[in-house]
Amino acid sequence: MVKREEKTIAKNRRAYHEYEILESFEAGIELKGTEVRSLRENNCQLTDCFALVRDGEVWLHNVHIPPYSHGNLNNVDPDRKRKLLLHRKEIRRLNELTREKGMALVPLRMYFKENSLVKVELAIARGKKLYDKRASMAERDTRLAIERALKERSR
């Protein structure tokens, strides 16, 4: 088994709090100019981003990739829409799943694959209600308390 090298550029931690993740996909992203160089400097923001299926294409909105520090005229708009690269069957499946009420396409993380390609982990997610968020926070707190107790016991 070969160990895969994936260097994470950015994570969307807020997505795990706001949404219940049902299924995830790997998608390529179409970048222009010096955006890859900017990503190599770990410059990316996924906090308020989302994806939409329009006319058989998946578009990523509100991803902020700041201009490359040593770039000039080649720098593009940092907040532009970016096309995601998926197979046609996957796009159809995403379109069907997001038509249901309360479902959304949320990017979870952006990373480099072992062959230096930029990939986005995209998830089908259902929005959480306030009581769901409280329940998941309580579950996380109990899990952490158990881990602390086990760690203390093993000392």
N, C-alpha and C. Protein backbone atom coordinates (compact mmCIF):
# COMPACT_ATOMS: atom_id res chain seq x y z
N MET A 1 0.84 -1.18 0.00
CA MET A 1 0.00 0.00 0.00
C MET A 1 0.89 1.24 0.00
N VAL A 2 0.66 2.14 -0.94
CA VAL A 2 1.46 3.34 -1.09
C VAL A 2 0.84 4.46 -0.27
N LYS A 3 1.65 5.15 0.49
CA LYS A 3 1.17 6.27 1.29
C LYS A 3 1.04 7.50 0.39
N ARG A 4 -0.10 8.11 0.41
CA ARG A 4 -0.35 9.28 -0.44
C ARG A 4 0.06 10.54 0.30
N GLU A 5 0.73 11.41 -0.43
CA GLU A 5 1.13 12.69 0.13
C GLU A 5 0.12 13.75 -0.29
N GLU A 6 -0.62 14.26 0.66
CA GLU A 6 -1.57 15.34 0.39
C GLU A 6 -1.27 16.49 1.32
N LYS A 7 -0.91 17.62 0.76
CA LYS A 7 -0.62 18.79 1.55
C LYS A 7 -1.88 19.66 1.60
N THR A 8 -2.44 19.81 2.78
CA THR A 8 -3.66 20.58 2.94
C THR A 8 -3.35 22.07 2.84
N ILE A 9 -4.12 22.76 2.02
CA ILE A 9 -3.97 24.21 1.84
C ILE A 9 -4.90 24.93 2.82
N ALA A 10 -6.18 24.53 2.83
CA ALA A 10 -7.16 25.18 3.70
C ALA A 10 -8.26 24.20 4.06
N LYS A 11 -8.82 24.35 5.26
CA LYS A 11 -9.95 23.54 5.71
C LYS A 11 -11.12 24.46 6.03
N ASN A 12 -12.30 23.94 5.83
CA ASN A 12 -13.51 24.67 6.17
C ASN A 12 -14.07 24.07 7.46
N ARG A 13 -13.53 24.49 8.60
CA ARG A 13 -13.95 23.94 9.89
C ARG A 13 -15.38 24.31 10.21
N ARG A 14 -15.80 25.45 9.73
CA ARG A 14 -17.15 25.91 10.01
C ARG A 14 -18.20 24.98 9.38
N ALA A 15 -17.84 24.34 8.27
CA ALA A 15 -18.79 23.45 7.60
C ALA A 15 -19.19 22.29 8.49
N TYR A 16 -18.26 21.76 9.27
CA TYR A 16 -18.58 20.64 10.14
C TYR A 16 -19.51 21.07 11.28
N HIS A 17 -19.46 22.34 11.65
CA HIS A 17 -20.34 22.85 12.70
C HIS A 17 -21.73 23.19 12.14
N GLU A 18 -21.76 23.76 10.95
CA GLU A 18 -23.01 24.24 10.37
C GLU A 18 -23.81 23.16 9.64
N TYR A 19 -23.12 22.10 9.15
CA TYR A 19 -23.78 21.11 8.31
C TYR A 19 -23.53 19.69 8.80
N GLU A 20 -24.44 18.81 8.44
CA GLU A 20 -24.26 17.38 8.65
C GLU A 20 -23.77 16.83 7.31
N ILE A 21 -22.55 16.29 7.29
CA ILE A 21 -21.92 15.83 6.06
C ILE A 21 -22.46 14.44 5.73
N LEU A 22 -23.01 14.29 4.51
CA LEU A 22 -23.59 13.02 4.11
C LEU A 22 -22.67 12.22 3.19
N GLU A 23 -22.08 12.89 2.21
CA GLU A 23 -21.23 12.21 1.23
C GLU A 23 -20.22 13.21 0.69
N SER A 24 -19.01 12.75 0.40
CA SER A 24 -18.01 13.69 -0.11
C SER A 24 -17.44 13.21 -1.44
N PHE A 25 -16.99 14.17 -2.24
CA PHE A 25 -16.43 13.94 -3.57
C PHE A 25 -15.11 14.68 -3.69
N GLU A 26 -14.27 14.21 -4.59
CA GLU A 26 -13.02 14.91 -4.90
C GLU A 26 -13.19 15.57 -6.26
N ALA A 27 -12.87 16.85 -6.34
CA ALA A 27 -13.02 17.58 -7.59
C ALA A 27 -11.76 18.38 -7.87
N GLY A 28 -11.44 18.51 -9.14
CA GLY A 28 -10.36 19.39 -9.55
C GLY A 28 -10.90 20.81 -9.60
N ILE A 29 -10.01 21.77 -9.66
CA ILE A 29 -10.43 23.17 -9.72
C ILE A 29 -9.66 23.86 -10.83
N GLU A 30 -10.37 24.68 -11.60
CA GLU A 30 -9.75 25.40 -12.70
C GLU A 30 -9.18 26.71 -12.18
N LEU A 31 -7.87 26.85 -12.23
CA LEU A 31 -7.20 28.05 -11.72
C LEU A 31 -6.51 28.78 -12.85
N LYS A 32 -6.32 30.08 -12.67
CA LYS A 32 -5.69 30.90 -13.72
C LYS A 32 -4.49 31.65 -13.16
N GLY A 33 -3.55 31.95 -14.02
CA GLY A 33 -2.44 32.83 -13.68
C GLY A 33 -1.61 32.35 -12.51
N THR A 34 -1.47 33.20 -11.54
CA THR A 34 -0.57 32.93 -10.41
C THR A 34 -1.29 32.37 -9.19
N GLU A 35 -2.52 31.85 -9.39
CA GLU A 35 -3.30 31.35 -8.26
C GLU A 35 -2.63 30.13 -7.60
N VAL A 36 -2.01 29.26 -8.38
CA VAL A 36 -1.36 28.08 -7.80
C VAL A 36 -0.17 28.52 -6.94
N ARG A 37 0.57 29.50 -7.41
CA ARG A 37 1.70 30.00 -6.61
C ARG A 37 1.22 30.62 -5.31
N SER A 38 0.10 31.32 -5.37
CA SER A 38 -0.47 31.89 -4.16
C SER A 38 -0.91 30.78 -3.20
N LEU A 39 -1.46 29.70 -3.75
CA LEU A 39 -1.87 28.57 -2.91
C LEU A 39 -0.66 27.88 -2.30
N ARG A 40 0.46 27.85 -3.00
CA ARG A 40 1.67 27.24 -2.45
C ARG A 40 2.17 28.02 -1.23
N GLU A 41 1.83 29.30 -1.16
CA GLU A 41 2.16 30.12 0.02
C GLU A 41 1.12 29.94 1.12
N ASN A 42 0.22 28.95 0.98
CA ASN A 42 -0.86 28.66 1.92
C ASN A 42 -1.82 29.83 2.09
N ASN A 43 -2.15 30.47 1.01
CA ASN A 43 -3.10 31.58 1.04
C ASN A 43 -4.41 31.14 0.42
N CYS A 44 -5.40 30.88 1.27
CA CYS A 44 -6.73 30.53 0.78
C CYS A 44 -7.72 30.64 1.93
N GLN A 45 -8.96 31.01 1.63
CA GLN A 45 -9.97 31.15 2.65
C GLN A 45 -11.26 30.47 2.19
N LEU A 46 -11.70 29.46 2.93
CA LEU A 46 -12.89 28.68 2.55
C LEU A 46 -14.08 28.92 3.48
N THR A 47 -14.04 29.94 4.32
CA THR A 47 -15.05 30.06 5.38
C THR A 47 -16.49 30.19 4.88
N ASP A 48 -16.78 31.07 3.96
CA ASP A 48 -18.16 31.29 3.53
C ASP A 48 -18.42 30.79 2.12
N CYS A 49 -17.67 29.81 1.67
CA CYS A 49 -17.81 29.39 0.28
C CYS A 49 -18.87 28.31 0.13
N PHE A 50 -19.36 28.18 -1.10
CA PHE A 50 -20.36 27.18 -1.44
C PHE A 50 -20.23 26.86 -2.92
N ALA A 51 -20.84 25.78 -3.35
CA ALA A 51 -20.79 25.38 -4.76
C ALA A 51 -22.21 25.27 -5.30
N LEU A 52 -22.37 25.59 -6.58
CA LEU A 52 -23.66 25.51 -7.25
C LEU A 52 -23.50 24.77 -8.57
N VAL A 53 -24.55 24.04 -8.95
CA VAL A 53 -24.57 23.38 -10.25
C VAL A 53 -25.40 24.25 -11.18
N ARG A 54 -24.78 24.75 -12.23
CA ARG A 54 -25.45 25.61 -13.21
C ARG A 54 -25.12 25.15 -14.62
N ASP A 55 -26.13 24.83 -15.43
CA ASP A 55 -25.97 24.44 -16.83
C ASP A 55 -24.98 23.29 -17.01
N GLY A 56 -25.07 22.29 -16.15
CA GLY A 56 -24.21 21.13 -16.27
C GLY A 56 -22.76 21.36 -15.84
N GLU A 57 -22.51 22.44 -15.12
CA GLU A 57 -21.17 22.73 -14.61
C GLU A 57 -21.28 23.07 -13.12
N VAL A 58 -20.23 22.76 -12.37
CA VAL A 58 -20.22 23.07 -10.94
C VAL A 58 -19.29 24.26 -10.74
N TRP A 59 -19.81 25.29 -10.04
CA TRP A 59 -19.05 26.52 -9.81
C TRP A 59 -18.85 26.72 -8.32
N LEU A 60 -17.66 27.15 -7.97
CA LEU A 60 -17.30 27.41 -6.58
C LEU A 60 -17.35 28.92 -6.35
N HIS A 61 -18.15 29.35 -5.39
CA HIS A 61 -18.35 30.77 -5.10
C HIS A 61 -17.71 31.14 -3.76
N ASN A 62 -17.31 32.40 -3.64
CA ASN A 62 -16.80 33.00 -2.40
C ASN A 62 -15.51 32.39 -1.86
N VAL A 63 -14.73 31.75 -2.70
CA VAL A 63 -13.41 31.30 -2.26
C VAL A 63 -12.46 32.45 -2.48
N HIS A 64 -11.73 32.82 -1.44
CA HIS A 64 -10.81 33.95 -1.54
C HIS A 64 -9.39 33.42 -1.64
N ILE A 65 -8.79 33.59 -2.82
CA ILE A 65 -7.37 33.28 -3.02
C ILE A 65 -6.69 34.62 -3.27
N PRO A 66 -5.96 35.13 -2.27
CA PRO A 66 -5.35 36.46 -2.43
C PRO A 66 -4.32 36.48 -3.55
N PRO A 67 -4.05 37.64 -4.12
CA PRO A 67 -3.07 37.74 -5.20
C PRO A 67 -1.69 37.28 -4.75
N TYR A 68 -0.96 36.71 -5.69
CA TYR A 68 0.41 36.24 -5.43
C TYR A 68 1.28 37.43 -5.06
N SER A 69 2.10 37.27 -4.03
CA SER A 69 2.90 38.38 -3.51
C SER A 69 3.89 38.93 -4.53
N HIS A 70 4.43 38.08 -5.40
CA HIS A 70 5.40 38.53 -6.41
C HIS A 70 4.78 38.62 -7.80
N GLY A 71 3.45 38.58 -7.86
CA GLY A 71 2.77 38.66 -9.15
C GLY A 71 2.62 40.11 -9.58
N ASN A 72 2.25 40.28 -10.84
CA ASN A 72 2.06 41.64 -11.37
C ASN A 72 0.72 41.68 -12.09
N LEU A 73 0.72 41.90 -13.37
CA LEU A 73 -0.52 41.96 -14.14
C LEU A 73 -1.19 40.59 -14.26
N ASN A 74 -0.45 39.52 -13.98
CA ASN A 74 -1.00 38.18 -14.11
C ASN A 74 -1.95 37.81 -12.98
N ASN A 75 -1.98 38.58 -11.91
CA ASN A 75 -2.90 38.28 -10.80
C ASN A 75 -4.33 38.51 -11.26
N VAL A 76 -5.21 37.57 -10.89
CA VAL A 76 -6.62 37.67 -11.26
C VAL A 76 -7.44 38.10 -10.05
N ASP A 77 -8.73 38.32 -10.26
CA ASP A 77 -9.62 38.73 -9.18
C ASP A 77 -9.64 37.66 -8.09
N PRO A 78 -9.35 38.01 -6.84
CA PRO A 78 -9.26 37.00 -5.79
C PRO A 78 -10.59 36.35 -5.40
N ASP A 79 -11.71 36.99 -5.70
CA ASP A 79 -13.02 36.46 -5.30
C ASP A 79 -13.87 35.98 -6.47
N ARG A 80 -13.25 35.66 -7.59
CA ARG A 80 -14.02 35.26 -8.77
C ARG A 80 -14.60 33.86 -8.59
N LYS A 81 -15.59 33.52 -9.44
CA LYS A 81 -16.15 32.17 -9.44
C LYS A 81 -15.13 31.25 -10.11
N ARG A 82 -15.00 30.04 -9.57
CA ARG A 82 -14.06 29.08 -10.13
C ARG A 82 -14.81 27.81 -10.50
N LYS A 83 -14.48 27.28 -11.67
CA LYS A 83 -15.14 26.07 -12.16
C LYS A 83 -14.51 24.84 -11.52
N LEU A 84 -15.36 23.90 -11.11
CA LEU A 84 -14.87 22.64 -10.56
C LEU A 84 -14.93 21.58 -11.66
N LEU A 85 -13.93 20.71 -11.67
CA LEU A 85 -13.81 19.71 -12.71
C LEU A 85 -14.27 18.35 -12.17
N LEU A 86 -15.39 17.88 -12.69
CA LEU A 86 -15.97 16.60 -12.28
C LEU A 86 -16.45 15.85 -13.52
N HIS A 87 -16.65 14.56 -13.38
CA HIS A 87 -17.22 13.77 -14.47
C HIS A 87 -18.70 14.10 -14.62
N ARG A 88 -19.22 13.90 -15.81
CA ARG A 88 -20.61 14.26 -16.09
C ARG A 88 -21.58 13.50 -15.19
N LYS A 89 -21.30 12.21 -14.92
CA LYS A 89 -22.17 11.42 -14.05
C LYS A 89 -22.19 12.00 -12.64
N GLU A 90 -21.02 12.42 -12.15
CA GLU A 90 -20.94 13.00 -10.81
C GLU A 90 -21.72 14.31 -10.74
N ILE A 91 -21.62 15.11 -11.79
CA ILE A 91 -22.35 16.39 -11.82
C ILE A 91 -23.85 16.14 -11.79
N ARG A 92 -24.32 15.15 -12.57
CA ARG A 92 -25.75 14.81 -12.57
C ARG A 92 -26.20 14.36 -11.18
N ARG A 93 -25.38 13.53 -10.55
CA ARG A 93 -25.70 13.03 -9.21
C ARG A 93 -25.76 14.17 -8.19
N LEU A 94 -24.78 15.08 -8.25
CA LEU A 94 -24.77 16.24 -7.35
C LEU A 94 -26.01 17.10 -7.57
N ASN A 95 -26.38 17.29 -8.83
CA ASN A 95 -27.54 18.11 -9.16
C ASN A 95 -28.81 17.48 -8.58
N GLU A 96 -28.95 16.16 -8.70
CA GLU A 96 -30.13 15.48 -8.15
C GLU A 96 -30.18 15.58 -6.63
N LEU A 97 -29.03 15.39 -5.98
CA LEU A 97 -29.00 15.40 -4.52
C LEU A 97 -29.25 16.80 -3.95
N THR A 98 -28.79 17.84 -4.63
CA THR A 98 -28.96 19.18 -4.10
C THR A 98 -30.34 19.75 -4.38
N ARG A 99 -31.13 19.10 -5.21
CA ARG A 99 -32.49 19.59 -5.45
C ARG A 99 -33.40 19.35 -4.26
N GLU A 100 -33.03 18.42 -3.39
CA GLU A 100 -33.83 18.17 -2.19
C GLU A 100 -33.75 19.39 -1.27
N LYS A 101 -34.79 19.59 -0.50
CA LYS A 101 -34.82 20.75 0.39
C LYS A 101 -33.79 20.60 1.50
N GLY A 102 -33.06 21.65 1.77
CA GLY A 102 -32.10 21.66 2.86
C GLY A 102 -30.73 21.10 2.53
N MET A 103 -30.52 20.67 1.29
CA MET A 103 -29.23 20.09 0.89
C MET A 103 -28.37 21.16 0.24
N ALA A 104 -27.05 21.06 0.46
CA ALA A 104 -26.12 22.05 -0.10
C ALA A 104 -24.82 21.37 -0.49
N LEU A 105 -24.10 22.00 -1.40
CA LEU A 105 -22.76 21.57 -1.79
C LEU A 105 -21.77 22.46 -1.05
N VAL A 106 -20.98 21.86 -0.17
CA VAL A 106 -20.07 22.62 0.67
C VAL A 106 -18.65 22.10 0.48
N PRO A 107 -17.69 22.98 0.16
CA PRO A 107 -16.30 22.55 0.11
C PRO A 107 -15.76 22.36 1.53
N LEU A 108 -15.11 21.21 1.77
CA LEU A 108 -14.58 20.92 3.10
C LEU A 108 -13.12 21.31 3.22
N ARG A 109 -12.34 21.01 2.18
CA ARG A 109 -10.91 21.37 2.23
C ARG A 109 -10.36 21.46 0.82
N MET A 110 -9.24 22.17 0.72
CA MET A 110 -8.51 22.30 -0.53
C MET A 110 -7.10 21.78 -0.26
N TYR A 111 -6.57 21.00 -1.19
CA TYR A 111 -5.27 20.37 -0.95
C TYR A 111 -4.55 20.09 -2.26
N PHE A 112 -3.24 19.84 -2.14
CA PHE A 112 -2.42 19.42 -3.28
C PHE A 112 -2.34 17.90 -3.27
N LYS A 113 -2.56 17.27 -4.42
CA LYS A 113 -2.34 15.83 -4.56
C LYS A 113 -0.85 15.59 -4.74
N GLU A 114 -0.45 14.30 -4.78
CA GLU A 114 0.97 13.97 -4.90
C GLU A 114 1.57 14.44 -6.22
N ASN A 115 0.75 14.64 -7.25
CA ASN A 115 1.26 15.10 -8.53
C ASN A 115 1.07 16.61 -8.73
N SER A 116 1.01 17.35 -7.63
CA SER A 116 0.92 18.82 -7.62
C SER A 116 -0.35 19.38 -8.22
N LEU A 117 -1.41 18.60 -8.28
CA LEU A 117 -2.68 19.12 -8.74
C LEU A 117 -3.48 19.62 -7.54
N VAL A 118 -4.19 20.72 -7.72
CA VAL A 118 -5.02 21.27 -6.65
C VAL A 118 -6.38 20.60 -6.71
N LYS A 119 -6.81 20.04 -5.58
CA LYS A 119 -8.10 19.37 -5.50
C LYS A 119 -8.94 19.99 -4.40
N VAL A 120 -10.26 19.84 -4.54
CA VAL A 120 -11.21 20.33 -3.54
C VAL A 120 -12.06 19.15 -3.09
N GLU A 121 -12.19 18.97 -1.79
CA GLU A 121 -13.09 17.95 -1.26
C GLU A 121 -14.45 18.60 -1.07
N LEU A 122 -15.40 18.15 -1.86
CA LEU A 122 -16.74 18.73 -1.90
C LEU A 122 -17.70 17.77 -1.22
N ALA A 123 -18.62 18.27 -0.42
CA ALA A 123 -19.54 17.39 0.32
C ALA A 123 -20.99 17.78 0.07
N ILE A 124 -21.82 16.74 0.04
CA ILE A 124 -23.26 16.95 0.07
C ILE A 124 -23.61 17.05 1.55
N ALA A 125 -24.25 18.15 1.92
CA ALA A 125 -24.50 18.39 3.34
C ALA A 125 -25.92 18.88 3.57
N ARG A 126 -26.41 18.59 4.77
CA ARG A 126 -27.72 19.07 5.20
C ARG A 126 -27.50 20.04 6.35
N GLY A 127 -28.13 21.19 6.29
CA GLY A 127 -27.97 22.20 7.32
C GLY A 127 -28.47 21.72 8.67
N LYS A 128 -27.72 22.03 9.73
CA LYS A 128 -28.11 21.64 11.08
C LYS A 128 -29.00 22.71 11.69
N LYS A 129 -29.91 22.26 12.51
CA LYS A 129 -30.71 23.19 13.31
C LYS A 129 -29.92 23.51 14.58
N LEU A 130 -30.38 24.46 15.35
CA LEU A 130 -29.68 24.88 16.56
C LEU A 130 -29.55 23.74 17.57
N TYR A 131 -30.62 22.93 17.72
CA TYR A 131 -30.54 21.83 18.68
C TYR A 131 -29.57 20.75 18.21
N ASP A 132 -29.43 20.57 16.88
CA ASP A 132 -28.45 19.62 16.35
C ASP A 132 -27.03 20.09 16.68
N LYS A 133 -26.80 21.40 16.56
CA LYS A 133 -25.47 21.94 16.87
C LYS A 133 -25.14 21.74 18.34
N ARG A 134 -26.13 21.97 19.21
CA ARG A 134 -25.91 21.78 20.64
C ARG A 134 -25.61 20.32 20.95
N ALA A 135 -26.32 19.42 20.30
CA ALA A 135 -26.11 17.99 20.54
C ALA A 135 -24.72 17.57 20.08
N SER A 136 -24.28 18.07 18.93
CA SER A 136 -22.95 17.69 18.43
C SER A 136 -21.86 18.30 19.32
N MET A 137 -22.08 19.51 19.86
CA MET A 137 -21.11 20.10 20.78
C MET A 137 -21.03 19.29 22.07
N ALA A 138 -22.18 18.85 22.59
CA ALA A 138 -22.20 18.05 23.82
C ALA A 138 -21.51 16.71 23.58
N GLU A 139 -21.74 16.11 22.41
CA GLU A 139 -21.10 14.85 22.06
C GLU A 139 -19.58 15.01 21.99
N ARG A 140 -19.14 16.10 21.39
CA ARG A 140 -17.70 16.37 21.29
C ARG A 140 -17.09 16.58 22.67
N ASP A 141 -17.79 17.31 23.55
CA ASP A 141 -17.28 17.55 24.90
C ASP A 141 -17.16 16.25 25.70
N THR A 142 -18.15 15.36 25.57
CA THR A 142 -18.05 14.08 26.29
C THR A 142 -16.93 13.22 25.73
N ARG A 143 -16.74 13.24 24.42
CA ARG A 143 -15.64 12.47 23.82
C ARG A 143 -14.29 12.98 24.31
N LEU A 144 -14.13 14.30 24.40
CA LEU A 144 -12.88 14.88 24.90
C LEU A 144 -12.67 14.55 26.37
N ALA A 145 -13.75 14.57 27.16
CA ALA A 145 -13.63 14.23 28.58
C ALA A 145 -13.21 12.78 28.76
N ILE A 146 -13.75 11.89 27.95
CA ILE A 146 -13.37 10.47 28.00
C ILE A 146 -11.90 10.29 27.63
N GLU A 147 -11.47 10.98 26.57
CA GLU A 147 -10.07 10.89 26.14
C GLU A 147 -9.13 11.41 27.24
N ARG A 148 -9.51 12.51 27.90
CA ARG A 148 -8.70 13.05 28.99
C ARG A 148 -8.60 12.07 30.14
N ALA A 149 -9.74 11.46 30.48
CA ALA A 149 -9.76 10.50 31.58
C ALA A 149 -8.89 9.28 31.27
N LEU A 150 -8.96 8.79 30.04
CA LEU A 150 -8.12 7.65 29.64
C LEU A 150 -6.65 8.02 29.65
N LYS A 151 -6.34 9.22 29.22
CA LYS A 151 -4.95 9.68 29.21
C LYS A 151 -4.42 9.80 30.65
N GLU A 152 -5.26 10.34 31.52
CA GLU A 152 -4.89 10.50 32.93
C GLU A 152 -4.70 9.13 33.62
N ARG A 153 -5.54 8.19 33.22
CA ARG A 153 -5.48 6.85 33.80
C ARG A 153 -4.22 6.11 33.35
N SER A 154 -3.78 6.35 32.13
CA SER A 154 -2.63 5.62 31.60
C SER A 154 -1.30 6.17 32.13
N ARG A 155 -1.30 7.30 32.81
CA ARG A 155 -0.07 7.87 33.34
C ARG A 155 0.47 7.14 34.52
